[in-house]
Every structure is written in structure tokens, then in C-alpha cells.
Amino acid sequence: MELLKEKPGLELQHLYGKYGELEKALYDPNEPYKKYRRDPELRPKIGENFPEFVFKTIEGEEFGKDQLNEKWVLIHFNHLTQFIKKPVWDKLYLDLQKAKKNYSIECFSLFAYEEDLKTSFGEYQPIIHLVNNGRGFFERYHIIKSPTSVLINPDGLVIQYYFESEAIEFLPFLETQEKHHLNQPN
């Protein structure tokens, strides 16, 4: 804080941990006024392992990446509730209900700020786990566009991204994966 008082306009690079909370703020003496922005090139790439996380839902449940091994995971990043399109959520909810009949899958919707999610989206629980104050996760995973959804396979690898107005068509990936698995020799 003293450094910020001494150098108005000084920029710090914020680093967020697996809980989405600020862990460090770094100062670069060589570029003290450099603007730090989320960089889509640093976002976990398709085929790469999705980094560790622990999400705390509005119901107080915690889900860590290690608990979700051997499950499909769909993470839906939303900045604010007012930008949510109800028909998109209705379809996502129905697709998740259908998927849960044949697959082990969990879905999390992370909102950047504190909002009354229970009133607005409580009807989608527990099929969609709701997480408030997830801004640190947006920063950590370099999520720029909202909404952004990421599908992670049971091995923890990023399989697909869905950006903004793209349909979240995750069921074909699950079905393709199942067919591929059944055709593998033992």
C-alpha cells in the first residue's frame, strides 16, 4: 500500500489461487505502469489439463477439481445475471438432465459478482451449481467473453469452449466419446 501511495497509477499483476481469491499482487520495477489484462492466449487450451479449482456454491458446498475426477465438468462463466438469456438456460438445464441419465457430469455457473442467484436461478439447482463472486476465476483462467463455457472431460482435459451466443452443444461430445470408448479394443 505504501508503494501505491508513493507511485500513483502504479499497476500490479494480480494472481488468483484455486479458490478464485487474490493470492499475490506483483510489482514489476522495470515496467511499473504496465497495464495487465486477461490474455486469451493464456486461457487453458483444448487438449490441455484444466487447472486446479475449488468452487463454493451459494448453498455452501465446495467442489474441487480432485473431487470431480472421472466426471465430465461444464463450467459456465457469466459476468452478470441481467445478461442471461432464459431460453439458453432452459435448454442447458434440459440437456444436463438428459446427460445425467447416461453420464457422470457436473455443471457450475460462475458469476463475477455478488448477486441474488437463488431468486433468479434457484430453479436450476442442483442440476446447475451456482457460484457467486467468481471474478478471480475469470482472471485466473483469462476469460474475456461472457458468457463462456468450457467442457472438461473425465481426465481433466479441456475438450471444448462455447463463446457468447454459441449454442452449448455438449451432448454430441459426450455421445461421441461414449461411441469411441465402446469401439476401443480391450
Protein backbone atom coordinates (compact mmCIF):
# COMPACT_ATOMS: atom_id res chain seq x y z
CA MET A 1 0.00 0.00 0.00
CA GLU A 2 2.92 2.35 0.72
CA LEU A 3 4.28 1.72 -2.76
CA LEU A 4 0.91 2.59 -4.31
CA LYS A 5 0.85 5.85 -2.30
CA GLU A 6 4.38 6.71 -3.48
CA LYS A 7 3.66 5.94 -7.15
CA PRO A 8 0.11 6.91 -8.17
CA GLY A 9 -1.02 4.93 -11.22
CA LEU A 10 1.29 2.02 -10.42
CA GLU A 11 -0.07 -1.26 -11.84
CA LEU A 12 0.09 -4.58 -10.05
CA GLN A 13 -0.30 -8.01 -11.57
CA HIS A 14 -2.92 -9.93 -9.58
CA LEU A 15 -2.56 -13.68 -9.19
CA TYR A 16 -5.54 -15.77 -8.09
CA GLY A 17 -5.46 -19.20 -6.48
CA LYS A 18 -7.59 -22.30 -6.79
CA TYR A 19 -10.35 -20.71 -4.65
CA GLY A 20 -10.56 -17.73 -7.01
CA GLU A 21 -9.17 -15.46 -4.29
CA LEU A 22 -6.32 -13.00 -4.70
CA GLU A 23 -3.11 -14.65 -3.52
CA LYS A 24 -0.47 -12.16 -4.68
CA ALA A 25 -0.10 -8.77 -6.29
CA LEU A 26 3.22 -8.40 -8.08
CA TYR A 27 5.07 -5.22 -8.95
CA ASP A 28 7.42 -5.03 -11.95
CA PRO A 29 10.01 -2.32 -11.25
CA ASN A 30 11.07 -2.38 -14.92
CA GLU A 31 7.52 -1.62 -16.14
CA PRO A 32 5.72 -0.05 -13.16
CA TYR A 33 2.83 1.33 -15.24
CA LYS A 34 2.28 -1.67 -17.49
CA LYS A 35 -1.42 -2.50 -17.87
CA TYR A 36 -2.19 -6.12 -17.02
CA ARG A 37 -5.09 -7.55 -19.00
CA ARG A 38 -6.54 -11.00 -19.36
CA ASP A 39 -4.92 -12.68 -22.33
CA PRO A 40 -6.90 -15.31 -24.28
CA GLU A 41 -3.59 -16.91 -25.27
CA LEU A 42 -3.09 -17.84 -21.60
CA ARG A 43 -6.52 -19.47 -21.27
CA PRO A 44 -6.34 -23.29 -20.82
CA LYS A 45 -6.25 -24.69 -24.35
CA ILE A 46 -8.19 -27.57 -25.85
CA GLY A 47 -6.36 -30.80 -25.07
CA GLU A 48 -4.62 -29.30 -22.03
CA ASN A 49 -5.29 -30.11 -18.41
CA PHE A 50 -7.70 -27.60 -16.82
CA PRO A 51 -6.02 -26.04 -13.78
CA GLU A 52 -7.00 -26.83 -10.22
CA PHE A 53 -10.06 -25.11 -8.72
CA VAL A 54 -12.38 -25.17 -5.73
CA PHE A 55 -15.83 -23.68 -6.29
CA LYS A 56 -18.04 -22.72 -3.36
CA THR A 57 -21.73 -22.73 -4.33
CA ILE A 58 -24.38 -20.38 -2.98
CA GLU A 59 -25.56 -23.37 -0.93
CA GLY A 60 -22.16 -23.51 0.81
CA GLU A 61 -20.99 -26.72 -0.89
CA GLU A 62 -17.39 -26.91 -2.08
CA PHE A 63 -16.40 -28.78 -5.21
CA GLY A 64 -12.73 -29.25 -6.00
CA LYS A 65 -11.28 -30.46 -9.26
CA ASP A 66 -9.89 -33.53 -7.48
CA GLN A 67 -13.44 -34.49 -6.34
CA LEU A 68 -14.64 -34.34 -9.93
CA ASN A 69 -12.13 -36.80 -11.37
CA GLU A 70 -13.81 -39.28 -13.70
CA LYS A 71 -16.72 -36.88 -14.27
CA TRP A 72 -17.50 -34.55 -17.11
CA VAL A 73 -17.48 -30.92 -15.96
CA LEU A 74 -19.16 -27.99 -17.68
CA ILE A 75 -18.18 -24.56 -16.34
CA HIS A 76 -20.32 -21.66 -17.46
CA PHE A 77 -18.79 -18.19 -16.84
CA ASN A 78 -21.27 -15.28 -16.65
CA HIS A 79 -20.41 -11.73 -15.64
CA LEU A 80 -23.86 -10.56 -14.52
CA THR A 81 -27.34 -12.06 -14.28
CA GLN A 82 -29.00 -9.38 -16.40
CA PHE A 83 -27.23 -10.71 -19.49
CA ILE A 84 -28.58 -14.26 -19.07
CA LYS A 85 -30.95 -15.46 -21.77
CA LYS A 86 -33.57 -17.67 -20.12
CA PRO A 87 -34.16 -19.88 -23.21
CA VAL A 88 -30.43 -20.70 -23.28
CA TRP A 89 -30.54 -21.68 -19.60
CA ASP A 90 -33.72 -23.69 -20.06
CA LYS A 91 -32.04 -25.69 -22.86
CA LEU A 92 -28.85 -26.11 -20.85
CA TYR A 93 -30.89 -27.38 -17.89
CA LEU A 94 -32.83 -29.88 -20.03
CA ASP A 95 -29.64 -31.08 -21.77
CA LEU A 96 -27.96 -31.59 -18.39
CA GLN A 97 -30.95 -33.58 -17.09
CA LYS A 98 -30.76 -35.77 -20.19
CA ALA A 99 -26.98 -36.17 -19.89
CA LYS A 100 -27.16 -37.16 -16.21
CA LYS A 101 -29.17 -40.25 -17.18
CA ASN A 102 -26.16 -41.72 -19.03
CA TYR A 103 -23.10 -39.77 -17.90
CA SER A 104 -21.48 -38.53 -14.75
CA ILE A 105 -21.49 -34.76 -15.29
CA GLU A 106 -21.48 -31.67 -13.08
CA CYS A 107 -22.21 -28.12 -14.22
CA PHE A 108 -21.16 -24.91 -12.49
CA SER A 109 -22.24 -21.41 -13.38
CA LEU A 110 -19.83 -18.78 -12.07
CA PHE A 111 -20.93 -15.17 -11.78
CA ALA A 112 -18.31 -12.46 -11.43
CA TYR A 113 -20.01 -10.52 -8.66
CA GLU A 114 -22.29 -10.97 -5.65
CA GLU A 115 -25.88 -11.26 -6.87
CA ASP A 116 -29.14 -12.80 -5.66
CA LEU A 117 -28.76 -16.00 -7.66
CA LYS A 118 -31.26 -18.02 -5.65
CA THR A 119 -34.17 -15.75 -6.62
CA SER A 120 -33.15 -15.51 -10.27
CA PHE A 121 -31.80 -19.01 -10.94
CA GLY A 122 -32.65 -21.21 -7.95
CA GLU A 123 -34.98 -23.29 -10.11
CA TYR A 124 -31.94 -24.64 -11.99
CA GLN A 125 -30.30 -26.07 -8.86
CA PRO A 126 -28.92 -28.64 -8.18
CA ILE A 127 -28.51 -29.51 -11.87
CA ILE A 128 -26.54 -26.27 -12.28
CA HIS A 129 -24.43 -25.34 -9.25
CA LEU A 130 -24.45 -21.56 -8.77
CA VAL A 131 -21.29 -19.73 -7.67
CA ASN A 132 -21.10 -16.03 -6.71
CA ASN A 133 -18.06 -13.76 -6.56
CA GLY A 134 -16.15 -15.73 -9.18
CA ARG A 135 -14.28 -12.77 -10.66
CA GLY A 136 -10.96 -14.26 -9.57
CA PHE A 137 -11.69 -17.35 -11.69
CA PHE A 138 -12.34 -15.13 -14.72
CA GLU A 139 -8.91 -13.57 -14.10
CA ARG A 140 -7.15 -16.85 -13.34
CA TYR A 141 -8.41 -18.59 -16.50
CA HIS A 142 -8.24 -15.47 -18.70
CA ILE A 143 -11.95 -15.50 -19.52
CA ILE A 144 -12.72 -12.39 -21.57
CA LYS A 145 -16.01 -13.04 -23.35
CA SER A 146 -19.19 -13.54 -21.40
CA PRO A 147 -20.73 -15.96 -21.32
CA THR A 148 -18.02 -18.52 -21.92
CA SER A 149 -18.50 -22.21 -21.22
CA VAL A 150 -15.79 -24.85 -21.07
CA LEU A 151 -16.31 -28.62 -21.25
CA ILE A 152 -13.77 -30.73 -19.37
CA ASN A 153 -13.57 -34.50 -19.84
CA PRO A 154 -13.25 -37.08 -17.02
CA ASP A 155 -9.45 -36.98 -17.40
CA GLY A 156 -9.45 -33.24 -16.62
CA LEU A 157 -8.69 -32.13 -20.19
CA VAL A 158 -10.35 -29.17 -21.90
CA ILE A 159 -12.48 -30.58 -24.73
CA GLN A 160 -14.47 -27.60 -26.00
CA TYR A 161 -15.20 -23.90 -25.48
CA TYR A 162 -18.51 -22.19 -26.21
CA PHE A 163 -18.38 -18.40 -26.50
CA GLU A 164 -21.07 -15.75 -26.17
CA SER A 165 -24.03 -16.62 -28.37
CA GLU A 166 -22.79 -20.08 -29.47
CA ALA A 167 -25.12 -22.91 -28.51
CA ILE A 168 -23.73 -25.03 -25.67
CA GLU A 169 -23.96 -28.32 -27.54
CA PHE A 170 -22.04 -30.58 -25.15
CA LEU A 171 -24.19 -33.70 -25.62
CA PRO A 172 -22.64 -34.62 -29.01
CA PHE A 173 -19.17 -34.67 -27.36
CA LEU A 174 -20.39 -37.00 -24.64
CA GLU A 175 -22.08 -39.29 -27.16
CA THR A 176 -19.04 -39.31 -29.48
CA GLN A 177 -16.79 -40.09 -26.54
CA GLU A 178 -19.05 -42.98 -25.48
CA LYS A 179 -19.09 -44.46 -29.01
CA HIS A 180 -15.31 -44.10 -29.27
CA HIS A 181 -14.90 -45.82 -25.88
CA LEU A 182 -17.20 -48.73 -26.89
CA ASN A 183 -15.23 -49.29 -30.11
CA GLN A 184 -11.87 -49.48 -28.32
CA PRO A 185 -10.35 -52.96 -28.10
CA ASN A 186 -9.97 -54.28 -24.54
